[in-house]
Amino acid sequence: MTSTFLLLQLDSEGAPYAEIAEILEDLGFRPETEGYDFRYDWGRPVTIAETLGFADRIQEALRGKRIGFRIESSED
């Protein structure tokens, strides 16, 4: 099964963290405590194209919020 992890880079001039967390939770992410800020559990193996498409959705959802992110997906 695939999991996608996000590590956020906040900007002091950007959107509040609570707003960012709400946006990401609406996309299906859950808070993570093991070295990342959020985790998305796909519940199945996914293709590279699917993860890239999901990254595009994340980028669009965060557009204008002045926040950077690092995305990483791995198989469990």
C-alpha atoms as a PDB file:
ATOM      1  CA  MET A   1       0.000   0.000   0.000  1.00  0.00           C
ATOM      2  CA  THR A   2       1.175   3.505  -0.757  1.00  0.00           C
ATOM      3  CA  SER A   3       1.441   6.404   1.652  1.00  0.00           C
ATOM      4  CA  THR A   4       2.187   9.990   0.688  1.00  0.00           C
ATOM      5  CA  PHE A   5       3.911  12.222   3.222  1.00  0.00           C
ATOM      6  CA  LEU A   6       4.116  16.023   3.386  1.00  0.00           C
ATOM      7  CA  LEU A   7       6.655  18.187   5.146  1.00  0.00           C
ATOM      8  CA  LEU A   8       5.581  21.829   5.260  1.00  0.00           C
ATOM      9  CA  GLN A   9       7.713  24.957   5.200  1.00  0.00           C
ATOM     10  CA  LEU A  10       5.742  27.806   6.745  1.00  0.00           C
ATOM     11  CA  ASP A  11       6.172  31.460   5.786  1.00  0.00           C
ATOM     12  CA  SER A  12       5.612  34.104   8.474  1.00  0.00           C
ATOM     13  CA  GLU A  13       3.709  36.129   5.855  1.00  0.00           C
ATOM     14  CA  GLY A  14       1.615  33.162   4.741  1.00  0.00           C
ATOM     15  CA  ALA A  15      -1.670  31.590   5.757  1.00  0.00           C
ATOM     16  CA  PRO A  16      -2.112  30.377   9.361  1.00  0.00           C
ATOM     17  CA  TYR A  17      -1.141  26.764  10.014  1.00  0.00           C
ATOM     18  CA  ALA A  18      -4.697  25.898  11.105  1.00  0.00           C
ATOM     19  CA  GLU A  19      -5.995  27.021   7.682  1.00  0.00           C
ATOM     20  CA  ILE A  20      -3.359  24.936   5.893  1.00  0.00           C
ATOM     21  CA  ALA A  21      -4.182  21.899   8.054  1.00  0.00           C
ATOM     22  CA  GLU A  22      -7.878  22.230   7.191  1.00  0.00           C
ATOM     23  CA  ILE A  23      -7.130  22.376   3.456  1.00  0.00           C
ATOM     24  CA  LEU A  24      -4.908  19.285   3.664  1.00  0.00           C
ATOM     25  CA  GLU A  25      -7.409  17.359   5.783  1.00  0.00           C
ATOM     26  CA  ASP A  26     -10.078  18.159   3.182  1.00  0.00           C
ATOM     27  CA  LEU A  27      -7.783  16.447   0.642  1.00  0.00           C
ATOM     28  CA  GLY A  28      -7.650  13.357   2.873  1.00  0.00           C
ATOM     29  CA  PHE A  29      -4.393  13.961   4.761  1.00  0.00           C
ATOM     30  CA  ARG A  30      -4.080  13.199   8.465  1.00  0.00           C
ATOM     31  CA  PRO A  31      -1.565  14.699  10.903  1.00  0.00           C
ATOM     32  CA  GLU A  32       1.630  12.660  11.189  1.00  0.00           C
ATOM     33  CA  THR A  33       4.141  12.544  14.040  1.00  0.00           C
ATOM     34  CA  GLU A  34       7.017  10.508  12.599  1.00  0.00           C
ATOM     35  CA  GLY A  35       9.176  13.104  10.827  1.00  0.00           C
ATOM     36  CA  TYR A  36       6.480  14.553   8.567  1.00  0.00           C
ATOM     37  CA  ASP A  37       3.592  16.928   9.117  1.00  0.00           C
ATOM     38  CA  PHE A  38       0.871  15.003   7.226  1.00  0.00           C
ATOM     39  CA  ARG A  39       0.253  11.553   5.763  1.00  0.00           C
ATOM     40  CA  TYR A  40      -2.168  10.388   3.064  1.00  0.00           C
ATOM     41  CA  ASP A  41      -2.969   6.671   3.063  1.00  0.00           C
ATOM     42  CA  TRP A  42      -3.973   5.529  -0.423  1.00  0.00           C
ATOM     43  CA  GLY A  43      -5.091   2.119   0.838  1.00  0.00           C
ATOM     44  CA  ARG A  44      -3.619   0.488  -2.264  1.00  0.00           C
ATOM     45  CA  PRO A  45      -0.524   0.609  -4.485  1.00  0.00           C
ATOM     46  CA  VAL A  46      -0.515   3.607  -6.855  1.00  0.00           C
ATOM     47  CA  THR A  47       1.355   4.613  -9.989  1.00  0.00           C
ATOM     48  CA  ILE A  48       3.840   7.430 -10.352  1.00  0.00           C
ATOM     49  CA  ALA A  49       1.319   9.234 -12.561  1.00  0.00           C
ATOM     50  CA  GLU A  50      -1.267   9.084  -9.770  1.00  0.00           C
ATOM     51  CA  THR A  51       1.143  10.528  -7.213  1.00  0.00           C
ATOM     52  CA  LEU A  52       2.166  13.293  -9.615  1.00  0.00           C
ATOM     53  CA  GLY A  53      -1.475  14.148 -10.258  1.00  0.00           C
ATOM     54  CA  PHE A  54      -2.088  14.253  -6.505  1.00  0.00           C
ATOM     55  CA  ALA A  55       0.916  16.571  -6.075  1.00  0.00           C
ATOM     56  CA  ASP A  56      -0.671  18.897  -8.653  1.00  0.00           C
ATOM     57  CA  ARG A  57      -3.915  18.899  -6.626  1.00  0.00           C
ATOM     58  CA  ILE A  58      -1.985  19.747  -3.446  1.00  0.00           C
ATOM     59  CA  GLN A  59      -0.143  22.569  -5.200  1.00  0.00           C
ATOM     60  CA  GLU A  60      -3.407  23.994  -6.533  1.00  0.00           C
ATOM     61  CA  ALA A  61      -5.092  23.771  -3.117  1.00  0.00           C
ATOM     62  CA  LEU A  62      -2.193  25.636  -1.478  1.00  0.00           C
ATOM     63  CA  ARG A  63      -1.764  28.245  -4.233  1.00  0.00           C
ATOM     64  CA  GLY A  64      -1.475  31.752  -2.806  1.00  0.00           C
ATOM     65  CA  LYS A  65      -1.017  30.541   0.788  1.00  0.00           C
ATOM     66  CA  ARG A  66       2.752  31.201   0.783  1.00  0.00           C
ATOM     67  CA  ILE A  67       3.712  27.792   2.022  1.00  0.00           C
ATOM     68  CA  GLY A  68       6.298  25.387   0.675  1.00  0.00           C
ATOM     69  CA  PHE A  69       6.021  21.639   0.874  1.00  0.00           C
ATOM     70  CA  ARG A  70       8.007  18.518   0.227  1.00  0.00           C
ATOM     71  CA  ILE A  71       6.117  15.441  -0.909  1.00  0.00           C
ATOM     72  CA  GLU A  72       7.311  11.856  -0.682  1.00  0.00           C
ATOM     73  CA  SER A  73       5.471   8.626  -1.395  1.00  0.00           C
ATOM     74  CA  SER A  74       6.470   5.135  -0.362  1.00  0.00           C
ATOM     75  CA  GLU A  75       5.157   1.588  -0.351  1.00  0.00           C
ATOM     76  CA  ASP A  76       4.476  -0.013   3.021  1.00  0.00           C
END
